[in-house]
């Protein structure tokens, strides 16, 4: 089937066409194109992709932001369903202005600076204002691997890039499975249902993720096993000693061992 969105990217000469991003966007957005949504795109540039979104989401409001002024009339962005604002994607005051004006966004697309720190900071600032079932798209993830964009091609596993940030964010999908009684829940735990990785692109799906673990209780394997055993077999004293003393002592030992390892290797 011919992609309408791909044709629009080509028509308006958006680099999204050259990157073949339409296949990803089609997968997530095709069923939403006739809905009335609020969409934020970070990085207007010449306005090519904003025009494509405006045509694709005819009933939606398309909000674009950029740090550079753009001639709306010349770039044919003076349309009813397009609003453009000027400011930095990492300026908290500016983003608060957007939040106060538009409240929640159903879709957020980061096609801005592509610098790791900017991408991470923007996500942290805007995630709370993504609708409860919204999508957050990050384009051009290849800059994580390019030192000219302040990425790091030399330390792929532990560098502070936006790729590693989203890799680590995957743990929030399984936060209830983490058998560490010292684990502290973060603001993303329970609020993300899916994180998908594509070539140079990431998609985060917001939503309620409250499925209970069948292995741990309140991040404790010992608590879960103890309750399960005494419910099925009784003998509280025996299982209390086994799980609440012996097993917990073993978990504490591993926790301290890993803490020392992180300190020695400077991995916090």
C-alpha atoms as a PDB file:
ATOM      1  CA  UNK A   1       0.000   0.000   0.000  1.00  0.00           C
ATOM      2  CA  UNK A   2       1.308   3.427  -0.946  1.00  0.00           C
ATOM      3  CA  UNK A   3       2.218   5.581   2.036  1.00  0.00           C
ATOM      4  CA  UNK A   4       0.367   8.896   2.110  1.00  0.00           C
ATOM      5  CA  UNK A   5       2.808  10.251   4.657  1.00  0.00           C
ATOM      6  CA  UNK A   6       5.821   9.231   2.592  1.00  0.00           C
ATOM      7  CA  UNK A   7       4.320  11.044  -0.396  1.00  0.00           C
ATOM      8  CA  UNK A   8       3.815  14.166   1.724  1.00  0.00           C
ATOM      9  CA  UNK A   9       7.406  14.095   2.991  1.00  0.00           C
ATOM     10  CA  UNK A  10       8.557  13.814  -0.617  1.00  0.00           C
ATOM     11  CA  UNK A  11       6.189  16.537  -1.824  1.00  0.00           C
ATOM     12  CA  UNK A  12       7.371  19.046   0.762  1.00  0.00           C
ATOM     13  CA  UNK A  13      11.025  17.952   0.467  1.00  0.00           C
ATOM     14  CA  UNK A  14      11.343  16.886   4.110  1.00  0.00           C
ATOM     15  CA  UNK A  15      14.511  14.973   4.977  1.00  0.00           C
ATOM     16  CA  UNK A  16      12.212  12.509   6.736  1.00  0.00           C
ATOM     17  CA  UNK A  17      11.649  11.105   3.258  1.00  0.00           C
ATOM     18  CA  UNK A  18      15.376  10.525   2.687  1.00  0.00           C
ATOM     19  CA  UNK A  19      15.702   8.873   6.111  1.00  0.00           C
ATOM     20  CA  UNK A  20      12.701   6.607   5.420  1.00  0.00           C
ATOM     21  CA  UNK A  21      11.093   7.628   8.708  1.00  0.00           C
ATOM     22  CA  UNK A  22       7.625   7.393   7.185  1.00  0.00           C
ATOM     23  CA  UNK A  23       7.539   3.611   7.646  1.00  0.00           C
ATOM     24  CA  UNK A  24       7.881   4.085  11.407  1.00  0.00           C
ATOM     25  CA  UNK A  25       5.440   6.980  11.572  1.00  0.00           C
ATOM     26  CA  UNK A  26       2.894   5.106   9.465  1.00  0.00           C
ATOM     27  CA  UNK A  27       2.985   2.169  11.862  1.00  0.00           C
ATOM     28  CA  UNK A  28       2.116   4.324  14.870  1.00  0.00           C
ATOM     29  CA  UNK A  29       0.115   7.201  13.426  1.00  0.00           C
ATOM     30  CA  UNK A  30      -1.967   5.862  10.548  1.00  0.00           C
ATOM     31  CA  UNK A  31      -4.952   5.148  12.793  1.00  0.00           C
ATOM     32  CA  UNK A  32      -4.701   8.602  14.378  1.00  0.00           C
ATOM     33  CA  UNK A  33      -4.584  10.829  11.303  1.00  0.00           C
ATOM     34  CA  UNK A  34      -8.321  11.667  11.364  1.00  0.00           C
ATOM     35  CA  UNK A  35      -8.404  12.475  15.074  1.00  0.00           C
ATOM     36  CA  UNK A  36      -8.229  15.919  16.642  1.00  0.00           C
ATOM     37  CA  UNK A  37      -4.808  16.001  18.299  1.00  0.00           C
ATOM     38  CA  UNK A  38      -2.167  18.398  19.569  1.00  0.00           C
ATOM     39  CA  UNK A  39       1.217  17.684  18.019  1.00  0.00           C
ATOM     40  CA  UNK A  40       4.533  19.291  18.928  1.00  0.00           C
ATOM     41  CA  UNK A  41       7.520  19.155  16.601  1.00  0.00           C
ATOM     42  CA  UNK A  42      10.845  20.414  17.915  1.00  0.00           C
ATOM     43  CA  UNK A  43      12.881  21.871  15.055  1.00  0.00           C
ATOM     44  CA  UNK A  44      10.954  23.723  12.338  1.00  0.00           C
ATOM     45  CA  UNK A  45      13.919  24.562  10.050  1.00  0.00           C
ATOM     46  CA  UNK A  46      12.409  25.409   6.652  1.00  0.00           C
ATOM     47  CA  UNK A  47       8.989  24.140   7.712  1.00  0.00           C
ATOM     48  CA  UNK A  48       8.880  21.203   5.297  1.00  0.00           C
ATOM     49  CA  UNK A  49       7.884  18.540   7.820  1.00  0.00           C
ATOM     50  CA  UNK A  50       5.449  20.883   9.600  1.00  0.00           C
ATOM     51  CA  UNK A  51       3.637  21.343   6.299  1.00  0.00           C
ATOM     52  CA  UNK A  52       3.526  17.586   5.815  1.00  0.00           C
ATOM     53  CA  UNK A  53       2.085  17.064   9.306  1.00  0.00           C
ATOM     54  CA  UNK A  54      -0.452  19.834   8.687  1.00  0.00           C
ATOM     55  CA  UNK A  55      -1.692  18.044   5.594  1.00  0.00           C
ATOM     56  CA  UNK A  56      -1.631  14.574   7.162  1.00  0.00           C
ATOM     57  CA  UNK A  57      -3.356  15.591  10.422  1.00  0.00           C
ATOM     58  CA  UNK A  58      -5.967  17.929   8.922  1.00  0.00           C
ATOM     59  CA  UNK A  59      -8.060  18.083  12.115  1.00  0.00           C
ATOM     60  CA  UNK A  60      -5.101  18.523  14.461  1.00  0.00           C
ATOM     61  CA  UNK A  61      -3.123  21.468  15.784  1.00  0.00           C
ATOM     62  CA  UNK A  62       0.535  21.337  14.752  1.00  0.00           C
ATOM     63  CA  UNK A  63       2.856  23.302  17.038  1.00  0.00           C
ATOM     64  CA  UNK A  64       6.409  23.863  15.872  1.00  0.00           C
ATOM     65  CA  UNK A  65       9.328  25.361  17.787  1.00  0.00           C
ATOM     66  CA  UNK A  66      12.742  26.535  16.659  1.00  0.00           C
ATOM     67  CA  UNK A  67      15.506  28.810  17.886  1.00  0.00           C
ATOM     68  CA  UNK A  68      15.644  30.616  14.522  1.00  0.00           C
ATOM     69  CA  UNK A  69      13.028  32.924  13.030  1.00  0.00           C
ATOM     70  CA  UNK A  70      11.281  31.700   9.906  1.00  0.00           C
ATOM     71  CA  UNK A  71       9.212  33.593   7.343  1.00  0.00           C
ATOM     72  CA  UNK A  72       5.855  31.886   7.798  1.00  0.00           C
ATOM     73  CA  UNK A  73       4.325  33.374   4.675  1.00  0.00           C
ATOM     74  CA  UNK A  74       7.293  32.585   2.434  1.00  0.00           C
ATOM     75  CA  UNK A  75       7.444  29.011   3.730  1.00  0.00           C
ATOM     76  CA  UNK A  76       3.659  28.625   3.488  1.00  0.00           C
ATOM     77  CA  UNK A  77       3.199  28.002   7.196  1.00  0.00           C
ATOM     78  CA  UNK A  78       0.501  30.619   7.722  1.00  0.00           C
ATOM     79  CA  UNK A  79      -2.212  27.998   8.040  1.00  0.00           C
ATOM     80  CA  UNK A  80      -4.972  27.710  10.637  1.00  0.00           C
ATOM     81  CA  UNK A  81      -3.740  24.433  12.109  1.00  0.00           C
ATOM     82  CA  UNK A  82      -0.086  25.533  12.400  1.00  0.00           C
ATOM     83  CA  UNK A  83       1.410  27.529  15.267  1.00  0.00           C
ATOM     84  CA  UNK A  84       5.127  28.360  15.419  1.00  0.00           C
ATOM     85  CA  UNK A  85       7.016  29.591  18.498  1.00  0.00           C
ATOM     86  CA  UNK A  86      10.643  30.595  18.882  1.00  0.00           C
ATOM     87  CA  UNK A  87      12.840  29.381  21.705  1.00  0.00           C
ATOM     88  CA  UNK A  88      15.285  26.709  22.791  1.00  0.00           C
ATOM     89  CA  UNK A  89      14.170  23.138  23.380  1.00  0.00           C
ATOM     90  CA  UNK A  90      16.121  23.118  26.649  1.00  0.00           C
ATOM     91  CA  UNK A  91      14.913  26.483  27.973  1.00  0.00           C
ATOM     92  CA  UNK A  92      12.652  25.575  30.883  1.00  0.00           C
ATOM     93  CA  UNK A  93      10.921  28.979  30.904  1.00  0.00           C
ATOM     94  CA  UNK A  94      10.099  28.692  27.211  1.00  0.00           C
ATOM     95  CA  UNK A  95       8.859  25.115  27.547  1.00  0.00           C
ATOM     96  CA  UNK A  96       6.725  26.112  30.541  1.00  0.00           C
ATOM     97  CA  UNK A  97       5.157  28.772  28.328  1.00  0.00           C
ATOM     98  CA  UNK A  98       4.242  26.055  25.813  1.00  0.00           C
ATOM     99  CA  UNK A  99       2.915  23.807  28.551  1.00  0.00           C
ATOM    100  CA  UNK A 100       0.767  26.568  30.025  1.00  0.00           C
ATOM    101  CA  UNK A 101      -0.583  27.429  26.589  1.00  0.00           C
ATOM    102  CA  UNK A 102      -1.232  23.951  25.183  1.00  0.00           C
ATOM    103  CA  UNK A 103      -1.366  21.777  28.336  1.00  0.00           C
ATOM    104  CA  UNK A 104      -0.904  18.247  26.947  1.00  0.00           C
ATOM    105  CA  UNK A 105       0.441  16.999  23.626  1.00  0.00           C
ATOM    106  CA  UNK A 106      -0.685  13.749  22.037  1.00  0.00           C
ATOM    107  CA  UNK A 107       2.461  13.454  19.960  1.00  0.00           C
ATOM    108  CA  UNK A 108       5.915  14.982  20.502  1.00  0.00           C
ATOM    109  CA  UNK A 109       8.613  14.789  17.829  1.00  0.00           C
ATOM    110  CA  UNK A 110      12.187  15.767  18.638  1.00  0.00           C
ATOM    111  CA  UNK A 111      13.865  16.816  15.406  1.00  0.00           C
ATOM    112  CA  UNK A 112      15.829  19.599  17.096  1.00  0.00           C
ATOM    113  CA  UNK A 113      19.514  20.020  17.860  1.00  0.00           C
ATOM    114  CA  UNK A 114      20.239  16.257  18.050  1.00  0.00           C
ATOM    115  CA  UNK A 115      22.831  16.899  20.764  1.00  0.00           C
ATOM    116  CA  UNK A 116      22.659  14.176  23.445  1.00  0.00           C
ATOM    117  CA  UNK A 117      22.270  16.550  26.401  1.00  0.00           C
ATOM    118  CA  UNK A 118      19.545  18.530  24.621  1.00  0.00           C
ATOM    119  CA  UNK A 119      17.563  15.442  23.675  1.00  0.00           C
ATOM    120  CA  UNK A 120      17.730  14.065  27.218  1.00  0.00           C
ATOM    121  CA  UNK A 121      16.859  17.352  28.914  1.00  0.00           C
ATOM    122  CA  UNK A 122      13.935  18.000  26.561  1.00  0.00           C
ATOM    123  CA  UNK A 123      12.513  14.537  27.178  1.00  0.00           C
ATOM    124  CA  UNK A 124      12.747  15.027  30.925  1.00  0.00           C
ATOM    125  CA  UNK A 125      11.040  18.419  30.736  1.00  0.00           C
ATOM    126  CA  UNK A 126       8.228  17.410  28.384  1.00  0.00           C
ATOM    127  CA  UNK A 127       7.392  13.805  29.301  1.00  0.00           C
ATOM    128  CA  UNK A 128       4.910  14.811  31.995  1.00  0.00           C
ATOM    129  CA  UNK A 129       3.023  16.860  29.410  1.00  0.00           C
ATOM    130  CA  UNK A 130       2.728  14.039  26.938  1.00  0.00           C
ATOM    131  CA  UNK A 131      -0.840  12.702  26.980  1.00  0.00           C
ATOM    132  CA  UNK A 132      -1.378   9.491  28.946  1.00  0.00           C
ATOM    133  CA  UNK A 133      -1.515   7.447  25.728  1.00  0.00           C
ATOM    134  CA  UNK A 134       0.821   9.658  23.719  1.00  0.00           C
ATOM    135  CA  UNK A 135       3.874   8.984  21.579  1.00  0.00           C
ATOM    136  CA  UNK A 136       7.303  10.576  21.902  1.00  0.00           C
ATOM    137  CA  UNK A 137       9.498  10.284  18.784  1.00  0.00           C
ATOM    138  CA  UNK A 138      13.220  11.052  18.719  1.00  0.00           C
ATOM    139  CA  UNK A 139      14.807  11.320  15.291  1.00  0.00           C
ATOM    140  CA  UNK A 140      18.433  11.134  14.138  1.00  0.00           C
ATOM    141  CA  UNK A 141      19.739   8.993  16.969  1.00  0.00           C
ATOM    142  CA  UNK A 142      22.932   8.484  14.934  1.00  0.00           C
ATOM    143  CA  UNK A 143      24.385  11.595  16.575  1.00  0.00           C
ATOM    144  CA  UNK A 144      24.886   9.465  19.701  1.00  0.00           C
ATOM    145  CA  UNK A 145      27.755   7.859  17.833  1.00  0.00           C
ATOM    146  CA  UNK A 146      29.322  11.040  16.446  1.00  0.00           C
ATOM    147  CA  UNK A 147      31.719  13.111  18.564  1.00  0.00           C
ATOM    148  CA  UNK A 148      31.147  16.155  16.330  1.00  0.00           C
ATOM    149  CA  UNK A 149      27.604  16.184  17.731  1.00  0.00           C
ATOM    150  CA  UNK A 150      28.951  15.611  21.254  1.00  0.00           C
ATOM    151  CA  UNK A 151      28.158  11.925  20.994  1.00  0.00           C
ATOM    152  CA  UNK A 152      30.616   9.186  21.892  1.00  0.00           C
ATOM    153  CA  UNK A 153      31.702   6.558  19.327  1.00  0.00           C
ATOM    154  CA  UNK A 154      34.438   5.245  21.623  1.00  0.00           C
ATOM    155  CA  UNK A 155      32.454   4.133  24.688  1.00  0.00           C
ATOM    156  CA  UNK A 156      29.168   2.726  23.424  1.00  0.00           C
ATOM    157  CA  UNK A 157      28.099   1.132  26.679  1.00  0.00           C
ATOM    158  CA  UNK A 158      28.695   3.719  29.395  1.00  0.00           C
ATOM    159  CA  UNK A 159      28.858   7.126  27.673  1.00  0.00           C
ATOM    160  CA  UNK A 160      26.270   9.790  28.489  1.00  0.00           C
ATOM    161  CA  UNK A 161      24.558   9.702  25.110  1.00  0.00           C
ATOM    162  CA  UNK A 162      20.853   9.839  24.406  1.00  0.00           C
ATOM    163  CA  UNK A 163      21.011   6.302  22.994  1.00  0.00           C
ATOM    164  CA  UNK A 164      22.297   4.998  26.328  1.00  0.00           C
ATOM    165  CA  UNK A 165      19.719   7.113  28.134  1.00  0.00           C
ATOM    166  CA  UNK A 166      16.861   5.408  26.296  1.00  0.00           C
ATOM    167  CA  UNK A 167      18.507   2.003  26.603  1.00  0.00           C
ATOM    168  CA  UNK A 168      18.532   2.453  30.379  1.00  0.00           C
ATOM    169  CA  UNK A 169      14.987   3.784  30.291  1.00  0.00           C
ATOM    170  CA  UNK A 170      13.905   0.307  29.176  1.00  0.00           C
ATOM    171  CA  UNK A 171      14.354  -0.818  32.788  1.00  0.00           C
ATOM    172  CA  UNK A 172      11.269   1.233  33.635  1.00  0.00           C
ATOM    173  CA  UNK A 173       9.206  -1.232  31.601  1.00  0.00           C
ATOM    174  CA  UNK A 174      10.104  -3.900  34.171  1.00  0.00           C
ATOM    175  CA  UNK A 175      10.530  -1.830  37.324  1.00  0.00           C
ATOM    176  CA  UNK A 176       8.360  -4.217  39.356  1.00  0.00           C
ATOM    177  CA  UNK A 177      10.652  -7.120  38.435  1.00  0.00           C
ATOM    178  CA  UNK A 178      13.825  -5.565  39.878  1.00  0.00           C
ATOM    179  CA  UNK A 179      14.758  -7.793  42.838  1.00  0.00           C
ATOM    180  CA  UNK A 180      16.568  -5.047  44.711  1.00  0.00           C
ATOM    181  CA  UNK A 181      14.878  -4.009  47.983  1.00  0.00           C
ATOM    182  CA  UNK A 182      16.873  -0.743  47.851  1.00  0.00           C
ATOM    183  CA  UNK A 183      15.521   0.178  44.425  1.00  0.00           C
ATOM    184  CA  UNK A 184      13.940   3.643  44.291  1.00  0.00           C
ATOM    185  CA  UNK A 185      11.066   4.132  41.888  1.00  0.00           C
ATOM    186  CA  UNK A 186      11.516   6.968  39.368  1.00  0.00           C
ATOM    187  CA  UNK A 187       8.925   9.103  37.577  1.00  0.00           C
ATOM    188  CA  UNK A 188       8.924   6.913  34.453  1.00  0.00           C
ATOM    189  CA  UNK A 189       8.200   3.664  36.286  1.00  0.00           C
ATOM    190  CA  UNK A 190       4.618   2.675  35.612  1.00  0.00           C
ATOM    191  CA  UNK A 191       4.189   5.379  32.932  1.00  0.00           C
ATOM    192  CA  UNK A 192       5.762   3.754  29.864  1.00  0.00           C
ATOM    193  CA  UNK A 193       4.296   0.762  28.067  1.00  0.00           C
ATOM    194  CA  UNK A 194       6.670   0.463  25.131  1.00  0.00           C
ATOM    195  CA  UNK A 195      10.057   1.686  23.887  1.00  0.00           C
ATOM    196  CA  UNK A 196      10.885   0.816  20.283  1.00  0.00           C
ATOM    197  CA  UNK A 197      14.272   1.202  18.602  1.00  0.00           C
ATOM    198  CA  UNK A 198      14.598   1.680  14.858  1.00  0.00           C
ATOM    199  CA  UNK A 199      17.429   2.753  12.588  1.00  0.00           C
ATOM    200  CA  UNK A 200      18.250   6.282  13.843  1.00  0.00           C
ATOM    201  CA  UNK A 201      14.880   6.595  15.595  1.00  0.00           C
ATOM    202  CA  UNK A 202      13.261   5.845  18.941  1.00  0.00           C
ATOM    203  CA  UNK A 203       9.577   5.745  19.896  1.00  0.00           C
ATOM    204  CA  UNK A 204       8.361   5.907  23.494  1.00  0.00           C
ATOM    205  CA  UNK A 205       4.713   5.028  24.205  1.00  0.00           C
ATOM    206  CA  UNK A 206       3.280   6.529  27.339  1.00  0.00           C
ATOM    207  CA  UNK A 207       0.616   4.639  29.302  1.00  0.00           C
ATOM    208  CA  UNK A 208      -0.201   2.806  32.504  1.00  0.00           C
ATOM    209  CA  UNK A 209       2.203  -0.045  33.186  1.00  0.00           C
ATOM    210  CA  UNK A 210       1.038  -1.525  36.466  1.00  0.00           C
ATOM    211  CA  UNK A 211       1.302  -5.271  35.891  1.00  0.00           C
ATOM    212  CA  UNK A 212       2.432  -6.987  39.076  1.00  0.00           C
ATOM    213  CA  UNK A 213       5.437  -9.302  39.119  1.00  0.00           C
ATOM    214  CA  UNK A 214       4.984 -13.014  39.710  1.00  0.00           C
ATOM    215  CA  UNK A 215       8.522 -13.262  41.123  1.00  0.00           C
ATOM    216  CA  UNK A 216       9.049 -10.276  43.422  1.00  0.00           C
ATOM    217  CA  UNK A 217       6.983  -8.263  45.892  1.00  0.00           C
ATOM    218  CA  UNK A 218       7.928  -4.635  46.449  1.00  0.00           C
ATOM    219  CA  UNK A 219      11.235  -5.357  44.681  1.00  0.00           C
ATOM    220  CA  UNK A 220      11.965  -8.273  47.002  1.00  0.00           C
ATOM    221  CA  UNK A 221      12.184 -11.870  45.803  1.00  0.00           C
ATOM    222  CA  UNK A 222      12.441 -13.030  49.411  1.00  0.00           C
ATOM    223  CA  UNK A 223       9.162 -11.378  50.445  1.00  0.00           C
ATOM    224  CA  UNK A 224       7.323 -12.977  47.547  1.00  0.00           C
ATOM    225  CA  UNK A 225       8.708 -16.449  48.196  1.00  0.00           C
ATOM    226  CA  UNK A 226       8.100 -16.230  51.931  1.00  0.00           C
ATOM    227  CA  UNK A 227       4.439 -15.253  51.498  1.00  0.00           C
ATOM    228  CA  UNK A 228       3.936 -17.906  48.834  1.00  0.00           C
ATOM    229  CA  UNK A 229       5.480 -20.678  50.946  1.00  0.00           C
ATOM    230  CA  UNK A 230       3.614 -19.980  54.152  1.00  0.00           C
ATOM    231  CA  UNK A 231       0.360 -19.638  52.224  1.00  0.00           C
ATOM    232  CA  UNK A 232       0.807 -23.030  50.564  1.00  0.00           C
ATOM    233  CA  UNK A 233       2.754 -24.976  53.188  1.00  0.00           C
ATOM    234  CA  UNK A 234       2.649 -23.110  56.474  1.00  0.00           C
ATOM    235  CA  UNK A 235       5.706 -23.518  58.754  1.00  0.00           C
ATOM    236  CA  UNK A 236       6.361 -19.801  59.238  1.00  0.00           C
ATOM    237  CA  UNK A 237       9.483 -20.222  61.367  1.00  0.00           C
ATOM    238  CA  UNK A 238      11.291 -22.400  58.837  1.00  0.00           C
ATOM    239  CA  UNK A 239      10.538 -20.186  55.848  1.00  0.00           C
ATOM    240  CA  UNK A 240      11.142 -16.971  57.749  1.00  0.00           C
ATOM    241  CA  UNK A 241      14.657 -18.155  58.562  1.00  0.00           C
ATOM    242  CA  UNK A 242      15.241 -19.324  54.980  1.00  0.00           C
ATOM    243  CA  UNK A 243      13.912 -16.363  53.032  1.00  0.00           C
ATOM    244  CA  UNK A 244      13.813 -13.405  55.412  1.00  0.00           C
ATOM    245  CA  UNK A 245      17.211 -14.062  57.008  1.00  0.00           C
ATOM    246  CA  UNK A 246      19.420 -16.298  54.814  1.00  0.00           C
ATOM    247  CA  UNK A 247      18.228 -15.159  51.398  1.00  0.00           C
ATOM    248  CA  UNK A 248      18.033 -11.502  52.412  1.00  0.00           C
ATOM    249  CA  UNK A 249      21.566 -11.670  53.777  1.00  0.00           C
ATOM    250  CA  UNK A 250      22.705 -13.008  50.411  1.00  0.00           C
ATOM    251  CA  UNK A 251      20.900 -10.180  48.594  1.00  0.00           C
ATOM    252  CA  UNK A 252      22.495  -7.601  50.908  1.00  0.00           C
ATOM    253  CA  UNK A 253      25.917  -9.116  50.210  1.00  0.00           C
ATOM    254  CA  UNK A 254      25.391  -8.837  46.435  1.00  0.00           C
ATOM    255  CA  UNK A 255      24.086  -5.279  46.808  1.00  0.00           C
ATOM    256  CA  UNK A 256      27.220  -4.208  48.698  1.00  0.00           C
ATOM    257  CA  UNK A 257      29.462  -6.061  46.246  1.00  0.00           C
ATOM    258  CA  UNK A 258      27.906  -4.245  43.297  1.00  0.00           C
ATOM    259  CA  UNK A 259      28.024  -0.922  45.129  1.00  0.00           C
ATOM    260  CA  UNK A 260      31.777  -1.323  45.667  1.00  0.00           C
ATOM    261  CA  UNK A 261      32.196  -2.304  42.020  1.00  0.00           C
ATOM    262  CA  UNK A 262      30.353   0.817  40.847  1.00  0.00           C
ATOM    263  CA  UNK A 263      32.483   3.028  43.089  1.00  0.00           C
ATOM    264  CA  UNK A 264      35.726   1.489  41.831  1.00  0.00           C
ATOM    265  CA  UNK A 265      34.668   1.777  38.162  1.00  0.00           C
ATOM    266  CA  UNK A 266      33.022   5.218  38.583  1.00  0.00           C
ATOM    267  CA  UNK A 267      29.712   3.904  37.255  1.00  0.00           C
ATOM    268  CA  UNK A 268      26.955   5.672  39.143  1.00  0.00           C
END
